[in-house]
Amino acid sequence: MWKPIALLVVMLAFACRDERTIVRTADVKITVADTATAVGAITQTVEANGGYVSGSHLWREGELLRAKLTMHVPSDKLTSTLTAIRSVANRIDDERIAVCVARASGPP
């Protein structure tokens, strides 16, 4: 029997096109059987896709180990990274993807 453990993953991806920056953000909340193993597997996937973990927080709620990760991956690797994260999950609790277009900073 696996214990329901929630793992919240926040990922940010950046890509440049012309003078605009396209920022794709994905927030995924998953339930996994083993939080420590899932954190390791997700971190390894992110790094293999050219990204990095910019923040993490692990804590206990009773017997449950919980984690929140903030990661950055190249925009062209976001979809494959999300697919890998989903494969670690016993259940997808929430998933949101947003796209924001901003003008690149610099001289006019």
N, C-alpha and C. Protein backbone atom coordinates (compact mmCIF):
# COMPACT_ATOMS: atom_id res chain seq x y z
N MET A 1 0.83 -1.18 0.00
CA MET A 1 0.00 0.00 0.00
C MET A 1 0.88 1.25 0.00
N TRP A 2 0.63 2.16 -0.90
CA TRP A 2 1.41 3.40 -0.92
C TRP A 2 0.70 4.47 -0.12
N LYS A 3 1.49 5.33 0.47
CA LYS A 3 0.95 6.45 1.23
C LYS A 3 0.74 7.62 0.28
N PRO A 4 -0.41 8.31 0.38
CA PRO A 4 -0.61 9.46 -0.49
C PRO A 4 0.30 10.61 -0.05
N ILE A 5 1.19 10.99 -0.93
CA ILE A 5 2.15 12.06 -0.67
C ILE A 5 1.96 13.11 -1.76
N ALA A 6 1.75 14.35 -1.40
CA ALA A 6 1.58 15.39 -2.41
C ALA A 6 2.92 16.02 -2.73
N LEU A 7 3.17 16.24 -3.99
CA LEU A 7 4.39 16.88 -4.44
C LEU A 7 3.98 17.99 -5.39
N LEU A 8 4.28 19.21 -5.02
CA LEU A 8 3.93 20.35 -5.86
C LEU A 8 5.16 20.76 -6.64
N VAL A 9 5.03 20.80 -7.94
CA VAL A 9 6.15 21.14 -8.81
C VAL A 9 5.79 22.41 -9.57
N VAL A 10 6.66 23.39 -9.51
CA VAL A 10 6.47 24.63 -10.26
C VAL A 10 7.61 24.75 -11.23
N MET A 11 7.30 24.90 -12.50
CA MET A 11 8.34 24.98 -13.52
C MET A 11 8.17 26.25 -14.34
N LEU A 12 9.27 26.88 -14.65
CA LEU A 12 9.26 28.06 -15.49
C LEU A 12 10.14 27.81 -16.70
N ALA A 13 9.71 28.21 -17.86
CA ALA A 13 10.52 28.01 -19.07
C ALA A 13 10.57 29.31 -19.85
N PHE A 14 11.71 29.56 -20.47
CA PHE A 14 11.90 30.80 -21.20
C PHE A 14 12.37 30.51 -22.63
N ALA A 15 11.90 31.33 -23.56
CA ALA A 15 12.37 31.26 -24.94
C ALA A 15 12.26 32.65 -25.53
N CYS A 16 13.17 32.97 -26.41
CA CYS A 16 13.14 34.28 -27.05
C CYS A 16 12.70 34.14 -28.50
N ARG A 17 11.89 35.07 -28.95
CA ARG A 17 11.48 35.12 -30.34
C ARG A 17 11.44 36.60 -30.71
N ASP A 18 12.26 37.00 -31.67
CA ASP A 18 12.36 38.38 -32.10
C ASP A 18 12.67 39.27 -30.89
N GLU A 19 11.86 40.32 -30.69
CA GLU A 19 12.09 41.25 -29.59
C GLU A 19 11.23 40.91 -28.38
N ARG A 20 10.54 39.81 -28.42
CA ARG A 20 9.66 39.43 -27.32
C ARG A 20 10.22 38.22 -26.59
N THR A 21 9.89 38.12 -25.33
CA THR A 21 10.23 36.94 -24.55
C THR A 21 8.92 36.21 -24.25
N ILE A 22 8.90 34.93 -24.56
CA ILE A 22 7.73 34.12 -24.29
C ILE A 22 8.04 33.29 -23.05
N VAL A 23 7.23 33.45 -22.03
CA VAL A 23 7.42 32.72 -20.79
C VAL A 23 6.26 31.74 -20.64
N ARG A 24 6.61 30.47 -20.56
CA ARG A 24 5.60 29.42 -20.34
C ARG A 24 5.79 28.92 -18.92
N THR A 25 4.73 28.92 -18.16
CA THR A 25 4.77 28.49 -16.77
C THR A 25 3.84 27.30 -16.58
N ALA A 26 4.33 26.28 -15.91
CA ALA A 26 3.50 25.12 -15.61
C ALA A 26 3.54 24.85 -14.11
N ASP A 27 2.37 24.72 -13.53
CA ASP A 27 2.24 24.35 -12.12
C ASP A 27 1.59 22.98 -12.09
N VAL A 28 2.25 22.03 -11.47
CA VAL A 28 1.73 20.66 -11.44
C VAL A 28 1.74 20.18 -9.99
N LYS A 29 0.63 19.64 -9.55
CA LYS A 29 0.54 19.05 -8.22
C LYS A 29 0.23 17.57 -8.42
N ILE A 30 1.11 16.70 -7.91
CA ILE A 30 0.95 15.27 -8.11
C ILE A 30 1.02 14.53 -6.78
N THR A 31 0.47 13.33 -6.77
CA THR A 31 0.59 12.43 -5.63
C THR A 31 1.51 11.29 -6.04
N VAL A 32 2.48 11.01 -5.19
CA VAL A 32 3.46 9.96 -5.48
C VAL A 32 3.55 8.99 -4.30
N ALA A 33 4.12 7.82 -4.54
CA ALA A 33 4.27 6.82 -3.49
C ALA A 33 5.45 7.15 -2.57
N ASP A 34 6.52 7.70 -3.13
CA ASP A 34 7.73 7.97 -2.36
C ASP A 34 8.25 9.35 -2.76
N THR A 35 8.06 10.33 -1.89
CA THR A 35 8.41 11.71 -2.21
C THR A 35 9.89 11.87 -2.51
N ALA A 36 10.76 11.31 -1.68
CA ALA A 36 12.21 11.47 -1.87
C ALA A 36 12.65 10.90 -3.21
N THR A 37 12.15 9.74 -3.57
CA THR A 37 12.49 9.12 -4.85
C THR A 37 11.96 9.96 -6.01
N ALA A 38 10.73 10.48 -5.88
CA ALA A 38 10.14 11.30 -6.94
C ALA A 38 10.92 12.59 -7.12
N VAL A 39 11.33 13.22 -6.03
CA VAL A 39 12.12 14.46 -6.12
C VAL A 39 13.42 14.19 -6.87
N GLY A 40 14.08 13.08 -6.55
CA GLY A 40 15.32 12.71 -7.25
C GLY A 40 15.10 12.47 -8.73
N ALA A 41 14.05 11.74 -9.06
CA ALA A 41 13.76 11.41 -10.46
C ALA A 41 13.39 12.67 -11.25
N ILE A 42 12.59 13.54 -10.67
CA ILE A 42 12.19 14.77 -11.34
C ILE A 42 13.38 15.69 -11.52
N THR A 43 14.22 15.82 -10.50
CA THR A 43 15.42 16.65 -10.60
C THR A 43 16.33 16.15 -11.71
N GLN A 44 16.51 14.84 -11.78
CA GLN A 44 17.36 14.23 -12.81
C GLN A 44 16.79 14.51 -14.21
N THR A 45 15.49 14.42 -14.36
CA THR A 45 14.84 14.69 -15.64
C THR A 45 15.03 16.14 -16.05
N VAL A 46 14.83 17.06 -15.11
CA VAL A 46 14.97 18.48 -15.41
C VAL A 46 16.41 18.78 -15.85
N GLU A 47 17.39 18.24 -15.14
CA GLU A 47 18.79 18.48 -15.49
C GLU A 47 19.13 17.85 -16.84
N ALA A 48 18.59 16.68 -17.13
CA ALA A 48 18.84 16.02 -18.41
C ALA A 48 18.26 16.82 -19.57
N ASN A 49 17.23 17.61 -19.28
CA ASN A 49 16.60 18.45 -20.30
C ASN A 49 17.20 19.86 -20.34
N GLY A 50 18.36 20.03 -19.72
CA GLY A 50 19.04 21.32 -19.78
C GLY A 50 18.54 22.34 -18.78
N GLY A 51 17.79 21.90 -17.78
CA GLY A 51 17.24 22.81 -16.78
C GLY A 51 17.93 22.67 -15.44
N TYR A 52 17.36 23.32 -14.44
CA TYR A 52 17.92 23.27 -13.09
C TYR A 52 16.83 23.53 -12.06
N VAL A 53 17.09 23.10 -10.84
CA VAL A 53 16.19 23.35 -9.72
C VAL A 53 16.65 24.64 -9.06
N SER A 54 15.78 25.65 -9.02
CA SER A 54 16.15 26.93 -8.42
C SER A 54 15.67 27.06 -6.98
N GLY A 55 14.84 26.14 -6.54
CA GLY A 55 14.39 26.17 -5.15
C GLY A 55 13.68 24.88 -4.78
N SER A 56 13.81 24.50 -3.52
CA SER A 56 13.09 23.32 -3.04
C SER A 56 12.77 23.47 -1.57
N HIS A 57 11.67 22.86 -1.17
CA HIS A 57 11.24 22.87 0.22
C HIS A 57 10.62 21.51 0.52
N LEU A 58 11.20 20.77 1.45
CA LEU A 58 10.65 19.49 1.89
C LEU A 58 10.25 19.62 3.35
N TRP A 59 9.10 19.08 3.72
CA TRP A 59 8.64 19.14 5.09
C TRP A 59 7.73 17.95 5.39
N ARG A 60 7.49 17.73 6.66
CA ARG A 60 6.61 16.63 7.10
C ARG A 60 5.31 17.19 7.64
N GLU A 61 4.24 16.50 7.29
CA GLU A 61 2.92 16.72 7.87
C GLU A 61 2.51 15.38 8.46
N GLY A 62 2.74 15.22 9.74
CA GLY A 62 2.53 13.92 10.36
C GLY A 62 3.53 12.94 9.80
N GLU A 63 3.05 11.84 9.24
CA GLU A 63 3.92 10.84 8.64
C GLU A 63 4.22 11.11 7.16
N LEU A 64 3.54 12.11 6.60
CA LEU A 64 3.69 12.38 5.17
C LEU A 64 4.82 13.35 4.89
N LEU A 65 5.68 12.99 3.95
CA LEU A 65 6.73 13.88 3.48
C LEU A 65 6.19 14.63 2.27
N ARG A 66 6.28 15.94 2.31
CA ARG A 66 5.78 16.77 1.22
C ARG A 66 6.95 17.55 0.63
N ALA A 67 6.79 17.99 -0.62
CA ALA A 67 7.87 18.74 -1.27
C ALA A 67 7.29 19.75 -2.24
N LYS A 68 7.99 20.86 -2.37
CA LYS A 68 7.67 21.87 -3.38
C LYS A 68 8.98 22.20 -4.09
N LEU A 69 8.97 22.10 -5.41
CA LEU A 69 10.16 22.36 -6.21
C LEU A 69 9.87 23.48 -7.20
N THR A 70 10.85 24.32 -7.42
CA THR A 70 10.78 25.33 -8.47
C THR A 70 11.91 25.03 -9.43
N MET A 71 11.57 24.86 -10.70
CA MET A 71 12.54 24.47 -11.70
C MET A 71 12.42 25.33 -12.93
N HIS A 72 13.51 25.43 -13.66
CA HIS A 72 13.54 26.15 -14.93
C HIS A 72 14.05 25.20 -16.00
N VAL A 73 13.33 25.14 -17.11
CA VAL A 73 13.77 24.33 -18.25
C VAL A 73 13.62 25.15 -19.52
N PRO A 74 14.42 24.83 -20.55
CA PRO A 74 14.24 25.53 -21.83
C PRO A 74 12.82 25.30 -22.35
N SER A 75 12.27 26.30 -22.99
CA SER A 75 10.89 26.23 -23.47
C SER A 75 10.63 25.02 -24.35
N ASP A 76 11.59 24.68 -25.21
CA ASP A 76 11.38 23.56 -26.11
C ASP A 76 11.41 22.21 -25.40
N LYS A 77 11.78 22.19 -24.13
CA LYS A 77 11.81 20.94 -23.34
C LYS A 77 10.68 20.87 -22.32
N LEU A 78 9.83 21.89 -22.26
CA LEU A 78 8.76 21.90 -21.26
C LEU A 78 7.81 20.73 -21.41
N THR A 79 7.36 20.47 -22.63
CA THR A 79 6.39 19.38 -22.84
C THR A 79 6.96 18.03 -22.46
N SER A 80 8.19 17.73 -22.87
CA SER A 80 8.78 16.43 -22.53
C SER A 80 9.06 16.33 -21.03
N THR A 81 9.41 17.44 -20.40
CA THR A 81 9.64 17.43 -18.95
C THR A 81 8.34 17.17 -18.21
N LEU A 82 7.26 17.81 -18.64
CA LEU A 82 5.95 17.57 -18.01
C LEU A 82 5.51 16.12 -18.19
N THR A 83 5.77 15.55 -19.36
CA THR A 83 5.43 14.15 -19.60
C THR A 83 6.17 13.25 -18.62
N ALA A 84 7.46 13.53 -18.41
CA ALA A 84 8.25 12.73 -17.47
C ALA A 84 7.75 12.89 -16.03
N ILE A 85 7.37 14.09 -15.65
CA ILE A 85 6.84 14.32 -14.30
C ILE A 85 5.54 13.55 -14.11
N ARG A 86 4.68 13.59 -15.11
CA ARG A 86 3.41 12.84 -15.02
C ARG A 86 3.66 11.35 -14.85
N SER A 87 4.72 10.83 -15.47
CA SER A 87 4.99 9.39 -15.39
C SER A 87 5.43 8.96 -13.99
N VAL A 88 5.93 9.90 -13.19
CA VAL A 88 6.35 9.61 -11.81
C VAL A 88 5.13 9.55 -10.88
N ALA A 89 4.06 10.20 -11.27
CA ALA A 89 2.89 10.37 -10.39
C ALA A 89 2.02 9.12 -10.31
N ASN A 90 1.47 8.92 -9.11
CA ASN A 90 0.39 7.95 -8.96
C ASN A 90 -0.93 8.59 -9.39
N ARG A 91 -0.97 9.92 -9.21
CA ARG A 91 -2.18 10.68 -9.56
C ARG A 91 -1.78 12.12 -9.85
N ILE A 92 -2.40 12.72 -10.87
CA ILE A 92 -2.25 14.14 -11.16
C ILE A 92 -3.38 14.85 -10.41
N ASP A 93 -3.03 15.71 -9.45
CA ASP A 93 -4.04 16.41 -8.67
C ASP A 93 -4.44 17.74 -9.31
N ASP A 94 -3.49 18.40 -9.95
CA ASP A 94 -3.76 19.70 -10.57
C ASP A 94 -2.65 20.00 -11.57
N GLU A 95 -3.01 20.59 -12.70
CA GLU A 95 -2.00 20.99 -13.68
C GLU A 95 -2.50 22.24 -14.39
N ARG A 96 -1.63 23.25 -14.43
CA ARG A 96 -1.97 24.51 -15.10
C ARG A 96 -0.78 24.94 -15.93
N ILE A 97 -1.05 25.37 -17.14
CA ILE A 97 -0.01 25.88 -18.02
C ILE A 97 -0.45 27.26 -18.50
N ALA A 98 0.45 28.23 -18.41
CA ALA A 98 0.15 29.59 -18.84
C ALA A 98 1.27 30.09 -19.74
N VAL A 99 0.90 30.98 -20.65
CA VAL A 99 1.87 31.60 -21.55
C VAL A 99 1.73 33.10 -21.43
N CYS A 100 2.86 33.78 -21.29
CA CYS A 100 2.89 35.23 -21.18
C CYS A 100 3.91 35.74 -22.18
N VAL A 101 3.54 36.77 -22.93
CA VAL A 101 4.47 37.38 -23.89
C VAL A 101 4.84 38.76 -23.37
N ALA A 102 6.13 39.01 -23.26
CA ALA A 102 6.62 40.30 -22.76
C ALA A 102 7.67 40.84 -23.73
N ARG A 103 7.77 42.14 -23.81
CA ARG A 103 8.81 42.75 -24.63
C ARG A 103 10.14 42.56 -23.96
N ALA A 104 11.15 42.24 -24.76
CA ALA A 104 12.50 42.06 -24.23
C ALA A 104 13.04 43.41 -23.77
N SER A 105 13.75 43.42 -22.65
CA SER A 105 14.32 44.67 -22.16
C SER A 105 15.58 45.00 -22.94
N GLY A 106 15.94 46.26 -22.95
CA GLY A 106 17.13 46.70 -23.65
C GLY A 106 16.86 47.99 -24.38
N PRO A 107 17.84 48.47 -25.10
CA PRO A 107 17.66 49.75 -25.81
C PRO A 107 16.60 49.64 -26.90
N PRO A 108 15.89 50.72 -27.16
CA PRO A 108 14.82 50.69 -28.17
C PRO A 108 15.37 50.53 -29.57
